Amino acid sequence: MNPSFAADLMERARDKGPVTIGLVGAGQMGTDLIVQIALMQGIRIGAVAVRSRPQNAISAALSAGHRPDELVEVANASAIDRAIETGRIAITTDLEALAAAGRIEVIIDATGHPESGAIVAEAAIRHGKHIVMLNVEADITIGRHFKAEAEKAGVIYTGAAGDEPAAALELVCFARALGMTVVAAGKGKNNALNFDAVPDDYVAEATARDMNPRVLVEFVDGSKTMVEMVALANATGLEPDKPGLHGPRASKEELAEVLIPVSHGGVLSKRGCVDYTIGKGVAPGVFCVVEPNHQRVLERMTDLHVGKGPFFTLHRPYHLTSLETPLTAARAVLYGTADLQPLDHPVAETAAVAKRDLAPGTVLGRIGEYDYRGWSMRWADARRERLLPLGLAERARVTKPIRKGELLSHDNCAVDDSLTIVRLRRQLDLADQRFLKADAA
């Protein structure tokens, strides 16, 4: 963290006004963002775009302490600009208007929906806006496309601080900067793990936690963990060691004895993997298991009570999800930097696996519902088997019988060609095919 960051935000506000954010989505994460940004100096919400319920955004803004007269519903970009110029927050159902508004500097996608994320990012970059994706599902599917498009447009495409991939990346970069070998990196799983979870069984818990049952199930059935670990893999080059990851019941103290190579008594086939644990003391944090490359360093880390060695666990005991995300937006504007970006060529993929038997003709629902869940694996293996990326599964039609536990693929499902995310992923796949042919030659 830049020690002058807070001072830089205040200086920016004094000289040019606060960094002005356009937010898309006013669900749980969007509401958190509206509240958090209201508490910060040097940064503000300029406009909020919602698909169909402006009252959700209005309620979120009121809960953050904004007065009713500070909020105005608008229908076009010029009206958004006028609202911002008079110190108000514009509420709109027109995403294109938000993206086109000249006073908006950076857009945060807080929809958590793959197709929505694709549409938001495409509009943001087309209108020359930085884009922060609090939407890992979209990022792992087509993030590389938007990274390249943003570079052409001279803007920043970035994942969000506060999500586990960005938090774990901090530890990975720290370890690599110190010349240590990264053996494994990942997260502690926050919710109970139940691969068979469906929304009907989690209505009471979701209501108590002010969540949508489908969103809660995306966490419980493992999909979110698989997505997050693929995002970390594709930002670092670390790979899933096996399909579905190991997910051991390793406590914080045990990580450096478990997520290490088999040759040293652990479960990994090699160094350099992503994984998660359901053991105690890790969640809601992230970790990085490292190996010092000199005896003197090993002795010092032991002396400093980091662990017993020869492997050590670096642990960040928290991630603040959407509460940290405004920092990413501000850094994109102030410094032109990204907190999380995919590499040019992926190493991991989140495929979709059936949660129940699926008959031909079935049109698949959303992540966290009844039909499928996420499954992490190596990108090359997923590509060879023509597996269906998780972010393309919604609205796909089943073309052959699929048994529970079977992976969805382009051979047993037909994707919805009308979706933006399908179109953009096809472009990526074609580019990857050209790269693979050139590499083989």
Protein backbone atom coordinates (compact mmCIF):
# COMPACT_ATOMS: atom_id res chain seq x y z
CA MET A 1 0.00 0.00 0.00
CA ASN A 2 1.30 3.42 -0.97
CA PRO A 3 1.80 5.26 2.38
CA SER A 4 0.77 8.53 0.75
CA PHE A 5 -2.42 7.10 -0.75
CA ALA A 6 -4.82 8.80 1.67
CA ALA A 7 -2.96 12.10 1.29
CA ASP A 8 -3.02 11.73 -2.49
CA LEU A 9 -6.80 11.25 -2.41
CA MET A 10 -7.24 14.38 -0.33
CA GLU A 11 -4.93 16.35 -2.62
CA ARG A 12 -6.85 15.12 -5.64
CA ALA A 13 -10.13 16.23 -4.04
CA ARG A 14 -8.69 19.65 -3.25
CA ASP A 15 -7.23 20.25 -6.71
CA LYS A 16 -9.67 18.52 -9.06
CA GLY A 17 -12.56 17.30 -6.96
CA PRO A 18 -13.07 13.75 -5.72
CA VAL A 19 -12.57 10.66 -7.87
CA THR A 20 -16.03 10.06 -9.32
CA ILE A 21 -17.35 6.51 -9.57
CA GLY A 22 -20.13 5.06 -11.66
CA LEU A 23 -21.52 2.00 -9.90
CA VAL A 24 -23.46 -0.78 -11.61
CA GLY A 25 -25.58 -2.86 -9.28
CA ALA A 26 -27.22 -2.07 -5.94
CA GLY A 27 -27.47 -5.51 -4.37
CA GLN A 28 -25.50 -6.56 -1.31
CA MET A 29 -22.11 -5.61 -2.74
CA GLY A 30 -23.38 -2.44 -4.40
CA THR A 31 -25.00 -1.29 -1.17
CA ASP A 32 -21.76 -1.94 0.72
CA LEU A 33 -19.91 0.19 -1.81
CA ILE A 34 -22.34 3.09 -1.57
CA VAL A 35 -22.07 3.07 2.23
CA GLN A 36 -18.30 2.68 2.31
CA ILE A 37 -17.59 5.41 -0.24
CA ALA A 38 -19.78 7.83 1.71
CA LEU A 39 -17.33 7.42 4.61
CA MET A 40 -14.20 8.15 2.55
CA GLN A 41 -12.45 11.35 1.57
CA GLY A 42 -11.40 12.11 -2.00
CA ILE A 43 -13.80 9.71 -3.65
CA ARG A 44 -17.54 9.76 -4.35
CA ILE A 45 -20.38 7.94 -6.06
CA GLY A 46 -21.48 10.01 -9.06
CA ALA A 47 -24.11 7.66 -10.45
CA VAL A 48 -25.65 4.25 -9.89
CA ALA A 49 -27.08 2.12 -12.70
CA VAL A 50 -29.55 -0.64 -11.93
CA ARG A 51 -31.33 -2.86 -14.38
CA SER A 52 -34.93 -2.36 -13.28
CA ARG A 53 -35.38 -1.22 -9.67
CA PRO A 54 -34.17 2.33 -9.00
CA GLN A 55 -35.59 2.11 -5.48
CA ASN A 56 -32.84 -0.37 -4.57
CA ALA A 57 -30.19 2.23 -5.34
CA ILE A 58 -32.16 4.96 -3.60
CA SER A 59 -32.57 2.84 -0.47
CA ALA A 60 -28.85 2.05 -0.46
CA ALA A 61 -27.94 5.73 -0.75
CA LEU A 62 -30.34 6.70 2.02
CA SER A 63 -28.88 4.01 4.28
CA ALA A 64 -25.44 5.53 3.62
CA GLY A 65 -26.65 8.86 4.98
CA HIS A 66 -27.40 10.70 1.77
CA ARG A 67 -30.45 12.96 1.90
CA PRO A 68 -33.38 12.37 -0.46
CA ASP A 69 -32.72 15.72 -2.17
CA GLU A 70 -29.20 14.53 -3.01
CA LEU A 71 -30.61 11.75 -5.21
CA VAL A 72 -32.11 12.21 -8.66
CA GLU A 73 -33.44 9.71 -11.18
CA VAL A 74 -32.19 10.46 -14.69
CA ALA A 75 -32.40 8.97 -18.18
CA ASN A 76 -29.38 10.19 -20.13
CA ALA A 77 -25.68 11.02 -19.88
CA SER A 78 -26.07 14.80 -19.83
CA ALA A 79 -28.50 14.56 -16.92
CA ILE A 80 -26.00 12.38 -15.06
CA ASP A 81 -23.33 15.02 -15.60
CA ARG A 82 -25.63 17.80 -14.37
CA ALA A 83 -26.44 15.82 -11.24
CA ILE A 84 -22.75 15.25 -10.49
CA GLU A 85 -21.91 18.92 -11.09
CA THR A 86 -24.49 19.91 -8.49
CA GLY A 87 -23.20 17.43 -5.93
CA ARG A 88 -25.98 14.89 -6.31
CA ILE A 89 -26.03 11.17 -7.10
CA ALA A 90 -27.72 10.18 -10.35
CA ILE A 91 -29.83 7.01 -10.40
CA THR A 92 -30.47 5.46 -13.79
CA THR A 93 -31.62 2.28 -15.48
CA ASP A 94 -29.54 3.12 -18.56
CA LEU A 95 -26.06 1.58 -18.35
CA GLU A 96 -25.02 3.20 -21.62
CA ALA A 97 -25.88 6.64 -20.20
CA LEU A 98 -23.74 5.99 -17.14
CA ALA A 99 -20.80 4.84 -19.26
CA ALA A 100 -21.11 7.85 -21.57
CA ALA A 101 -21.33 10.46 -18.82
CA GLY A 102 -18.26 12.70 -18.98
CA ARG A 103 -18.05 13.24 -15.23
CA ILE A 104 -17.71 9.52 -14.51
CA GLU A 105 -14.05 8.49 -14.32
CA VAL A 106 -14.20 4.83 -13.30
CA ILE A 107 -16.95 2.23 -13.31
CA ILE A 108 -17.34 -0.58 -10.79
CA ASP A 109 -19.34 -3.63 -11.86
CA ALA A 110 -20.96 -5.07 -8.72
CA THR A 111 -23.52 -7.27 -10.45
CA GLY A 112 -21.76 -10.60 -9.88
CA HIS A 113 -23.40 -11.85 -13.08
CA PRO A 114 -21.22 -13.06 -15.98
CA GLU A 115 -23.34 -11.66 -18.81
CA SER A 116 -23.95 -8.36 -17.03
CA GLY A 117 -20.24 -8.03 -16.34
CA ALA A 118 -19.43 -8.50 -20.00
CA ILE A 119 -21.90 -5.80 -21.02
CA VAL A 120 -20.69 -3.38 -18.33
CA ALA A 121 -17.00 -3.81 -19.13
CA GLU A 122 -17.58 -3.47 -22.86
CA ALA A 123 -19.54 -0.24 -22.40
CA ALA A 124 -17.01 1.21 -19.94
CA ILE A 125 -14.03 0.64 -22.20
CA ARG A 126 -15.88 1.84 -25.29
CA HIS A 127 -16.50 5.15 -23.53
CA GLY A 128 -12.95 5.46 -22.22
CA LYS A 129 -13.63 4.63 -18.57
CA HIS A 130 -11.52 2.58 -16.20
CA ILE A 131 -13.37 -0.58 -15.17
CA VAL A 132 -13.18 -2.40 -11.82
CA MET A 133 -14.66 -5.89 -11.90
CA LEU A 134 -16.16 -6.91 -8.58
CA ASN A 135 -17.34 -9.79 -10.73
CA VAL A 136 -14.88 -12.66 -10.73
CA GLU A 137 -17.26 -14.86 -12.72
CA ALA A 138 -17.00 -12.57 -15.73
CA ASP A 139 -13.29 -11.94 -15.24
CA ILE A 140 -12.25 -15.60 -15.41
CA THR A 141 -14.32 -16.06 -18.55
CA ILE A 142 -13.29 -13.08 -20.68
CA GLY A 143 -11.02 -10.90 -18.53
CA ARG A 144 -8.10 -11.31 -20.93
CA HIS A 145 -10.16 -9.79 -23.72
CA PHE A 146 -11.00 -6.72 -21.66
CA LYS A 147 -7.45 -6.33 -20.41
CA ALA A 148 -6.26 -6.12 -24.03
CA GLU A 149 -9.11 -3.81 -25.08
CA ALA A 150 -8.48 -1.51 -22.12
CA GLU A 151 -4.80 -1.24 -23.02
CA LYS A 152 -5.76 -0.19 -26.55
CA ALA A 153 -8.15 2.42 -25.15
CA GLY A 154 -5.64 3.77 -22.63
CA VAL A 155 -7.69 2.82 -19.58
CA ILE A 156 -7.33 0.31 -16.75
CA TYR A 157 -9.11 -3.02 -16.50
CA THR A 158 -8.72 -4.55 -13.05
CA GLY A 159 -10.12 -7.00 -10.56
CA ALA A 160 -11.14 -5.67 -7.18
CA ALA A 161 -9.24 -5.34 -3.95
CA GLY A 162 -11.12 -7.07 -1.17
CA ASP A 163 -11.85 -10.22 -3.15
CA GLU A 164 -9.67 -13.16 -2.15
CA PRO A 165 -7.76 -13.34 -5.46
CA ALA A 166 -6.41 -9.80 -5.07
CA ALA A 167 -5.72 -10.31 -1.37
CA ALA A 168 -3.81 -13.53 -2.03
CA LEU A 169 -1.97 -11.89 -4.91
CA GLU A 170 -0.54 -9.38 -2.44
CA LEU A 171 1.10 -12.25 -0.54
CA VAL A 172 2.32 -13.97 -3.71
CA CYS A 173 3.94 -10.76 -4.98
CA PHE A 174 5.47 -10.11 -1.56
CA ALA A 175 7.01 -13.59 -1.44
CA ARG A 176 8.29 -13.45 -5.00
CA ALA A 177 9.82 -10.01 -4.42
CA LEU A 178 11.76 -11.54 -1.51
CA GLY A 179 13.05 -14.31 -3.76
CA MET A 180 11.04 -17.07 -2.09
CA THR A 181 9.48 -19.98 -3.93
CA VAL A 182 5.69 -19.90 -3.82
CA VAL A 183 4.59 -23.45 -3.11
CA ALA A 184 0.85 -22.81 -2.80
CA ALA A 185 -1.52 -19.89 -2.42
CA GLY A 186 -5.21 -19.64 -1.78
CA LYS A 187 -7.97 -18.99 0.70
CA GLY A 188 -9.76 -20.36 3.70
CA LYS A 189 -13.32 -21.25 2.77
CA ASN A 190 -15.74 -19.00 4.63
CA ASN A 191 -18.95 -21.02 4.36
CA ALA A 192 -19.74 -24.67 4.92
CA LEU A 193 -19.04 -26.81 1.85
CA ASN A 194 -21.98 -28.72 0.38
CA PHE A 195 -21.62 -29.63 -3.28
CA ASP A 196 -25.35 -30.49 -3.47
CA ALA A 197 -26.59 -27.16 -2.08
CA VAL A 198 -29.65 -25.60 -3.74
CA PRO A 199 -31.42 -22.33 -2.89
CA ASP A 200 -34.50 -23.98 -1.37
CA ASP A 201 -32.39 -25.33 1.49
CA TYR A 202 -30.78 -21.99 2.35
CA VAL A 203 -33.66 -19.50 2.40
CA ALA A 204 -33.61 -19.07 6.20
CA GLU A 205 -29.84 -18.59 6.40
CA ALA A 206 -29.80 -16.23 3.45
CA THR A 207 -32.61 -14.15 4.97
CA ALA A 208 -30.74 -13.94 8.28
CA ARG A 209 -27.62 -12.77 6.45
CA ASP A 210 -29.49 -10.34 4.16
CA MET A 211 -28.45 -12.35 1.11
CA ASN A 212 -30.12 -13.78 -1.96
CA PRO A 213 -30.36 -17.59 -1.45
CA ARG A 214 -28.87 -18.18 -4.90
CA VAL A 215 -25.87 -16.00 -4.07
CA LEU A 216 -25.36 -17.85 -0.78
CA VAL A 217 -25.51 -21.21 -2.56
CA GLU A 218 -22.85 -20.08 -5.02
CA PHE A 219 -20.55 -19.88 -2.00
CA VAL A 220 -21.77 -23.05 -0.28
CA ASP A 221 -21.64 -25.38 -3.30
CA GLY A 222 -18.01 -24.43 -3.93
CA SER A 223 -18.54 -22.50 -7.16
CA LYS A 224 -17.27 -19.20 -5.80
CA THR A 225 -14.16 -20.82 -4.34
CA MET A 226 -13.39 -22.51 -7.66
CA VAL A 227 -13.88 -19.22 -9.51
CA GLU A 228 -11.67 -17.29 -7.11
CA MET A 229 -8.85 -19.82 -7.24
CA VAL A 230 -8.91 -19.78 -11.04
CA ALA A 231 -8.71 -15.98 -10.99
CA LEU A 232 -5.67 -16.23 -8.69
CA ALA A 233 -4.13 -18.90 -10.92
CA ASN A 234 -4.55 -16.85 -14.07
CA ALA A 235 -3.07 -13.77 -12.42
CA THR A 236 0.00 -15.58 -11.08
CA GLY A 237 0.70 -18.64 -13.22
CA LEU A 238 0.08 -20.95 -10.25
CA GLU A 239 -1.98 -23.98 -11.30
CA PRO A 240 -4.69 -26.23 -9.87
CA ASP A 241 -2.85 -29.37 -8.79
CA LYS A 242 -5.83 -31.57 -9.65
CA PRO A 243 -9.40 -31.06 -10.92
CA GLY A 244 -11.54 -29.67 -8.13
CA LEU A 245 -8.44 -28.83 -6.06
CA HIS A 246 -7.48 -30.65 -2.85
CA GLY A 247 -9.39 -28.51 -0.35
CA PRO A 248 -7.79 -30.16 2.70
CA ARG A 249 -8.98 -29.72 6.29
CA ALA A 250 -5.73 -27.97 7.18
CA SER A 251 -5.60 -25.37 9.93
CA LYS A 252 -3.47 -22.25 9.66
CA GLU A 253 -0.73 -24.04 11.58
CA GLU A 254 -0.96 -27.10 9.33
CA LEU A 255 -0.94 -25.43 5.91
CA ALA A 256 2.86 -25.52 5.65
CA GLU A 257 2.76 -29.27 6.36
CA VAL A 258 -0.12 -30.15 4.02
CA LEU A 259 -0.10 -27.88 0.95
CA ILE A 260 3.47 -28.85 0.10
CA PRO A 261 4.91 -31.49 -2.26
CA VAL A 262 4.24 -35.18 -1.64
CA SER A 263 8.01 -35.67 -1.44
CA HIS A 264 7.93 -33.60 1.77
CA GLY A 265 4.86 -35.28 3.25
CA GLY A 266 2.20 -33.05 1.73
CA VAL A 267 -0.50 -33.51 -0.92
CA LEU A 268 0.81 -31.52 -3.90
CA SER A 269 2.39 -33.15 -6.93
CA LYS A 270 4.58 -30.07 -7.44
CA ARG A 271 5.34 -26.57 -6.22
CA GLY A 272 3.36 -23.63 -7.57
CA CYS A 273 -0.33 -24.43 -7.00
CA VAL A 274 -3.57 -22.74 -5.99
CA ASP A 275 -5.87 -24.36 -3.47
CA TYR A 276 -8.19 -23.74 -0.55
CA THR A 277 -8.63 -25.14 2.93
CA ILE A 278 -11.64 -25.87 5.10
CA GLY A 279 -9.47 -26.06 8.21
CA LYS A 280 -9.71 -23.73 11.19
CA GLY A 281 -8.01 -20.40 11.59
CA VAL A 282 -7.59 -19.48 7.91
CA ALA A 283 -10.97 -18.05 6.82
CA PRO A 284 -11.86 -15.31 6.20
CA GLY A 285 -8.24 -14.81 5.23
CA VAL A 286 -5.88 -15.87 2.47
CA PHE A 287 -2.51 -17.60 2.57
CA CYS A 288 0.70 -18.23 0.72
CA VAL A 289 2.93 -21.21 1.56
CA VAL A 290 6.54 -20.30 0.77
CA GLU A 291 9.93 -21.96 0.70
CA PRO A 292 13.03 -19.86 1.48
CA ASN A 293 15.94 -20.47 -0.86
CA HIS A 294 18.79 -20.06 1.61
CA GLN A 295 19.51 -21.66 4.96
CA ARG A 296 20.13 -18.29 6.56
CA VAL A 297 16.65 -17.07 5.55
CA LEU A 298 15.07 -20.29 6.79
CA GLU A 299 16.80 -19.85 10.15
CA ARG A 300 15.69 -16.25 10.42
CA MET A 301 12.05 -17.07 9.63
CA THR A 302 12.13 -19.82 12.23
CA ASP A 303 13.70 -17.44 14.75
CA LEU A 304 10.93 -14.92 14.00
CA HIS A 305 8.29 -17.60 14.79
CA VAL A 306 6.82 -17.63 11.29
CA GLY A 307 6.83 -21.42 11.49
CA LYS A 308 8.99 -24.50 11.93
CA GLY A 309 10.22 -24.75 8.34
CA PRO A 310 11.32 -25.78 5.83
CA PHE A 311 8.01 -24.35 4.50
CA PHE A 312 6.23 -21.35 6.00
CA THR A 313 2.74 -19.87 5.77
CA LEU A 314 2.21 -16.18 5.15
CA HIS A 315 -1.33 -15.36 6.23
CA ARG A 316 -3.56 -12.33 5.73
CA PRO A 317 -6.34 -12.93 8.27
CA TYR A 318 -9.04 -10.96 6.50
CA HIS A 319 -10.47 -9.79 3.23
CA LEU A 320 -13.01 -6.99 3.33
CA THR A 321 -14.77 -7.75 0.03
CA SER A 322 -16.56 -4.70 -1.35
CA LEU A 323 -15.34 -2.43 1.46
CA GLU A 324 -11.86 -2.48 -0.09
CA THR A 325 -12.99 -2.13 -3.69
CA PRO A 326 -13.09 1.71 -3.71
CA LEU A 327 -9.33 1.64 -3.21
CA THR A 328 -8.91 -0.16 -6.52
CA ALA A 329 -11.08 2.41 -8.30
CA ALA A 330 -9.08 5.27 -6.80
CA ARG A 331 -5.72 3.69 -7.71
CA ALA A 332 -6.85 3.19 -11.30
CA VAL A 333 -7.64 6.92 -11.59
CA LEU A 334 -4.78 8.35 -9.52
CA TYR A 335 -1.94 6.07 -10.57
CA GLY A 336 -3.13 4.16 -13.63
CA THR A 337 -2.51 0.85 -11.88
CA ALA A 338 -4.47 -2.39 -11.58
CA ASP A 339 -4.79 -4.54 -8.46
CA LEU A 340 -5.52 -7.79 -10.31
CA GLN A 341 -5.22 -8.67 -13.98
CA PRO A 342 -5.14 -11.98 -15.86
CA LEU A 343 -1.98 -13.05 -17.61
CA ASP A 344 -1.99 -13.00 -21.40
CA HIS A 345 -2.35 -16.79 -21.50
CA PRO A 346 -4.41 -18.72 -18.92
CA VAL A 347 -3.32 -21.70 -16.84
CA ALA A 348 -6.68 -22.55 -15.26
CA GLU A 349 -10.37 -22.79 -16.12
CA THR A 350 -13.55 -23.13 -14.09
CA ALA A 351 -15.71 -25.68 -15.86
CA ALA A 352 -19.30 -26.59 -14.95
CA VAL A 353 -20.31 -29.91 -13.41
CA ALA A 354 -23.90 -31.16 -13.14
CA LYS A 355 -25.56 -30.95 -9.71
CA ARG A 356 -28.38 -33.23 -10.88
CA ASP A 357 -29.28 -35.37 -13.86
CA LEU A 358 -29.98 -33.10 -16.83
CA ALA A 359 -32.21 -34.16 -19.73
CA PRO A 360 -31.85 -32.96 -23.33
CA GLY A 361 -33.75 -29.76 -23.88
CA THR A 362 -33.10 -28.43 -20.39
CA VAL A 363 -32.19 -24.73 -20.41
CA LEU A 364 -29.66 -24.13 -17.67
CA GLY A 365 -30.23 -21.60 -14.91
CA ARG A 366 -27.75 -19.35 -13.11
CA ILE A 367 -24.70 -20.16 -11.02
CA GLY A 368 -25.83 -21.06 -7.51
CA GLU A 369 -29.14 -22.54 -8.60
CA TYR A 370 -30.08 -26.18 -9.29
CA ASP A 371 -28.29 -27.35 -12.42
CA TYR A 372 -24.51 -27.06 -12.09
CA ARG A 373 -21.59 -25.83 -10.00
CA GLY A 374 -18.03 -24.75 -10.64
CA TRP A 375 -15.05 -27.08 -10.98
CA SER A 376 -11.47 -25.80 -11.24
CA MET A 377 -8.89 -27.49 -13.43
CA ARG A 378 -5.95 -26.82 -15.69
CA TRP A 379 -6.85 -24.74 -18.71
CA ALA A 380 -5.14 -27.07 -21.19
CA ASP A 381 -7.10 -30.07 -19.87
CA ALA A 382 -10.40 -28.20 -20.00
CA ARG A 383 -9.70 -27.04 -23.54
CA ARG A 384 -8.70 -30.52 -24.71
CA GLU A 385 -11.95 -31.96 -23.34
CA ARG A 386 -14.04 -29.09 -24.82
CA LEU A 387 -15.48 -28.33 -21.40
CA LEU A 388 -18.02 -25.58 -20.94
CA PRO A 389 -16.66 -22.60 -18.98
CA LEU A 390 -18.81 -21.84 -15.96
CA GLY A 391 -19.43 -18.29 -17.16
CA LEU A 392 -21.09 -19.57 -20.36
CA ALA A 393 -23.42 -22.10 -18.74
CA GLU A 394 -26.39 -19.84 -18.06
CA ARG A 395 -29.09 -20.21 -20.72
CA ALA A 396 -27.16 -23.02 -22.43
CA ARG A 397 -29.36 -25.85 -23.69
CA VAL A 398 -28.58 -29.49 -22.85
CA THR A 399 -28.27 -31.55 -26.06
CA LYS A 400 -27.39 -34.98 -24.61
CA PRO A 401 -28.26 -36.70 -21.31
CA ILE A 402 -25.90 -35.57 -18.52
CA ARG A 403 -25.62 -37.47 -15.25
CA LYS A 404 -25.08 -35.81 -11.89
CA GLY A 405 -21.35 -35.27 -11.40
CA GLU A 406 -20.62 -35.24 -15.14
CA LEU A 407 -18.83 -32.25 -16.63
CA LEU A 408 -20.72 -30.02 -19.05
CA SER A 409 -19.07 -29.56 -22.42
CA HIS A 410 -19.60 -28.14 -25.87
CA ASP A 411 -20.46 -31.70 -26.88
CA ASN A 412 -23.44 -32.06 -24.53
CA CYS A 413 -24.57 -28.43 -24.30
CA ALA A 414 -25.26 -25.62 -26.78
CA VAL A 415 -24.47 -22.14 -25.51
CA ASP A 416 -26.78 -19.17 -26.06
CA ASP A 417 -25.27 -17.37 -29.04
CA SER A 418 -27.18 -14.16 -28.26
CA LEU A 419 -25.10 -13.48 -25.12
CA THR A 420 -22.30 -10.91 -25.18
CA ILE A 421 -20.10 -13.10 -23.01
CA VAL A 422 -20.43 -15.99 -25.48
CA ARG A 423 -19.44 -13.78 -28.39
CA LEU A 424 -16.39 -12.42 -26.60
CA ARG A 425 -15.28 -15.81 -25.32
CA ARG A 426 -15.43 -17.20 -28.85
CA GLN A 427 -13.04 -14.43 -29.93
CA LEU A 428 -10.67 -15.41 -27.13
CA ASP A 429 -10.87 -19.09 -28.03
CA LEU A 430 -10.03 -18.35 -31.66
CA ALA A 431 -7.03 -16.26 -30.62
CA ASP A 432 -5.90 -19.03 -28.27
CA GLN A 433 -6.16 -21.56 -31.08
CA ARG A 434 -3.91 -19.43 -33.29
CA PHE A 435 -1.44 -19.10 -30.41
CA LEU A 436 -1.38 -22.85 -29.77
CA LYS A 437 -0.79 -23.61 -33.45
CA ALA A 438 2.04 -21.07 -33.61
CA ASP A 439 3.57 -22.44 -30.43
CA ALA A 440 3.38 -26.02 -31.72
CA ALA A 441 5.06 -24.98 -34.97
